[in-house]
């Protein structure tokens, strides 16, 4: 960290569970949406 200050690099601290950085969250949401839609289609038949 001290070396970064000498090179004019500012670290950016992100929350551990930030959805911006956790790409798997977007993938899981898509999977859940697709699965939910298929379940609804089966119920409608």
N, C-alpha and C. Protein backbone atom coordinates (compact mmCIF):
# COMPACT_ATOMS: atom_id res chain seq x y z
N UNK A 1 0.82 -1.19 0.00
CA UNK A 1 0.00 0.00 0.00
C UNK A 1 0.86 1.26 0.00
N UNK A 2 1.93 1.24 0.76
CA UNK A 2 2.79 2.41 0.82
C UNK A 2 3.44 2.66 -0.54
N UNK A 3 3.81 1.59 -1.22
CA UNK A 3 4.42 1.70 -2.54
C UNK A 3 3.44 2.32 -3.53
N UNK A 4 2.16 2.01 -3.39
CA UNK A 4 1.15 2.57 -4.29
C UNK A 4 1.08 4.08 -4.14
N UNK A 5 1.18 4.58 -2.91
CA UNK A 5 1.14 6.02 -2.67
C UNK A 5 2.30 6.73 -3.33
N UNK A 6 3.43 6.09 -3.35
CA UNK A 6 4.60 6.70 -3.97
C UNK A 6 4.46 6.75 -5.49
N UNK A 7 3.66 5.88 -6.05
CA UNK A 7 3.48 5.84 -7.51
C UNK A 7 2.19 6.54 -7.95
N UNK A 8 1.56 7.24 -7.04
CA UNK A 8 0.33 7.98 -7.32
C UNK A 8 -0.81 7.07 -7.76
N UNK A 9 -0.86 5.89 -7.18
CA UNK A 9 -1.95 4.95 -7.45
C UNK A 9 -2.86 4.96 -6.23
N UNK A 10 -4.11 5.30 -6.43
CA UNK A 10 -5.08 5.30 -5.33
C UNK A 10 -5.88 4.01 -5.36
N UNK A 11 -5.82 3.20 -4.32
CA UNK A 11 -6.63 1.98 -4.30
C UNK A 11 -8.11 2.33 -4.10
N UNK A 12 -8.97 1.56 -4.71
CA UNK A 12 -10.41 1.74 -4.54
C UNK A 12 -10.92 0.55 -3.73
N UNK A 13 -11.55 0.84 -2.62
CA UNK A 13 -12.06 -0.22 -1.76
C UNK A 13 -13.53 -0.46 -2.07
N UNK A 14 -13.87 -1.70 -2.43
CA UNK A 14 -15.23 -2.09 -2.75
C UNK A 14 -15.75 -3.01 -1.66
N UNK A 15 -17.04 -2.96 -1.40
CA UNK A 15 -17.61 -3.92 -0.44
C UNK A 15 -17.42 -5.34 -0.96
N UNK A 16 -17.28 -6.27 -0.05
CA UNK A 16 -17.03 -7.66 -0.43
C UNK A 16 -18.16 -8.22 -1.29
N UNK A 17 -19.38 -7.92 -0.97
CA UNK A 17 -20.52 -8.48 -1.69
C UNK A 17 -21.09 -7.53 -2.73
N UNK A 18 -20.26 -6.70 -3.30
CA UNK A 18 -20.73 -5.74 -4.29
C UNK A 18 -21.21 -6.46 -5.54
N UNK A 19 -22.48 -6.27 -5.94
CA UNK A 19 -22.97 -6.94 -7.15
C UNK A 19 -22.26 -6.47 -8.41
N UNK A 20 -21.65 -5.30 -8.36
CA UNK A 20 -20.91 -4.82 -9.53
C UNK A 20 -19.71 -5.70 -9.84
N UNK A 21 -19.13 -6.28 -8.82
CA UNK A 21 -17.93 -7.08 -9.01
C UNK A 21 -18.21 -8.58 -9.01
N UNK A 22 -19.35 -8.97 -8.51
CA UNK A 22 -19.65 -10.38 -8.38
C UNK A 22 -20.51 -10.82 -9.58
N UNK A 23 -19.86 -11.22 -10.65
CA UNK A 23 -20.57 -11.56 -11.89
C UNK A 23 -21.46 -12.78 -11.76
N UNK A 24 -21.12 -13.68 -10.85
CA UNK A 24 -21.92 -14.89 -10.70
C UNK A 24 -23.34 -14.55 -10.25
N UNK A 25 -23.51 -13.44 -9.54
CA UNK A 25 -24.85 -13.03 -9.10
C UNK A 25 -25.75 -12.76 -10.31
N UNK A 26 -25.23 -12.11 -11.33
CA UNK A 26 -26.01 -11.84 -12.54
C UNK A 26 -26.36 -13.14 -13.25
N UNK A 27 -25.43 -14.07 -13.26
CA UNK A 27 -25.68 -15.37 -13.91
C UNK A 27 -26.76 -16.13 -13.16
N UNK A 28 -26.66 -16.18 -11.82
CA UNK A 28 -27.67 -16.88 -11.02
C UNK A 28 -29.05 -16.24 -11.20
N UNK A 29 -29.10 -14.92 -11.28
CA UNK A 29 -30.38 -14.24 -11.47
C UNK A 29 -31.00 -14.66 -12.80
N UNK A 30 -30.19 -14.72 -13.83
CA UNK A 30 -30.69 -15.13 -15.15
C UNK A 30 -31.21 -16.56 -15.12
N UNK A 31 -30.47 -17.45 -14.47
CA UNK A 31 -30.90 -18.85 -14.36
C UNK A 31 -32.23 -18.94 -13.62
N UNK A 32 -32.35 -18.21 -12.51
CA UNK A 32 -33.59 -18.23 -11.74
C UNK A 32 -34.76 -17.69 -12.55
N UNK A 33 -34.53 -16.60 -13.30
CA UNK A 33 -35.59 -16.03 -14.12
C UNK A 33 -36.06 -17.01 -15.18
N UNK A 34 -35.13 -17.67 -15.84
CA UNK A 34 -35.49 -18.63 -16.89
C UNK A 34 -36.25 -19.80 -16.28
N UNK A 35 -35.78 -20.29 -15.16
CA UNK A 35 -36.44 -21.43 -14.52
C UNK A 35 -37.84 -21.05 -14.04
N UNK A 36 -37.99 -19.87 -13.47
CA UNK A 36 -39.30 -19.41 -13.01
C UNK A 36 -40.27 -19.31 -14.18
N UNK A 37 -39.82 -18.78 -15.30
CA UNK A 37 -40.69 -18.65 -16.47
C UNK A 37 -41.13 -20.01 -16.97
N UNK A 38 -40.25 -21.01 -16.96
CA UNK A 38 -40.63 -22.35 -17.40
C UNK A 38 -41.65 -22.97 -16.45
N UNK A 39 -41.50 -22.72 -15.15
CA UNK A 39 -42.44 -23.24 -14.16
C UNK A 39 -43.82 -22.63 -14.36
N UNK A 40 -43.86 -21.34 -14.65
CA UNK A 40 -45.14 -20.66 -14.87
C UNK A 40 -45.80 -21.20 -16.13
N UNK A 41 -45.03 -21.44 -17.19
CA UNK A 41 -45.58 -21.98 -18.43
C UNK A 41 -46.21 -23.35 -18.19
N UNK A 42 -45.57 -24.20 -17.38
CA UNK A 42 -46.12 -25.53 -17.09
C UNK A 42 -47.43 -25.41 -16.33
N UNK A 43 -47.52 -24.47 -15.41
CA UNK A 43 -48.74 -24.29 -14.62
C UNK A 43 -49.88 -23.79 -15.49
N UNK A 44 -49.57 -23.02 -16.50
CA UNK A 44 -50.61 -22.45 -17.35
C UNK A 44 -51.23 -23.49 -18.29
N UNK A 45 -50.53 -24.60 -18.52
CA UNK A 45 -51.04 -25.63 -19.45
C UNK A 45 -52.06 -26.51 -18.80
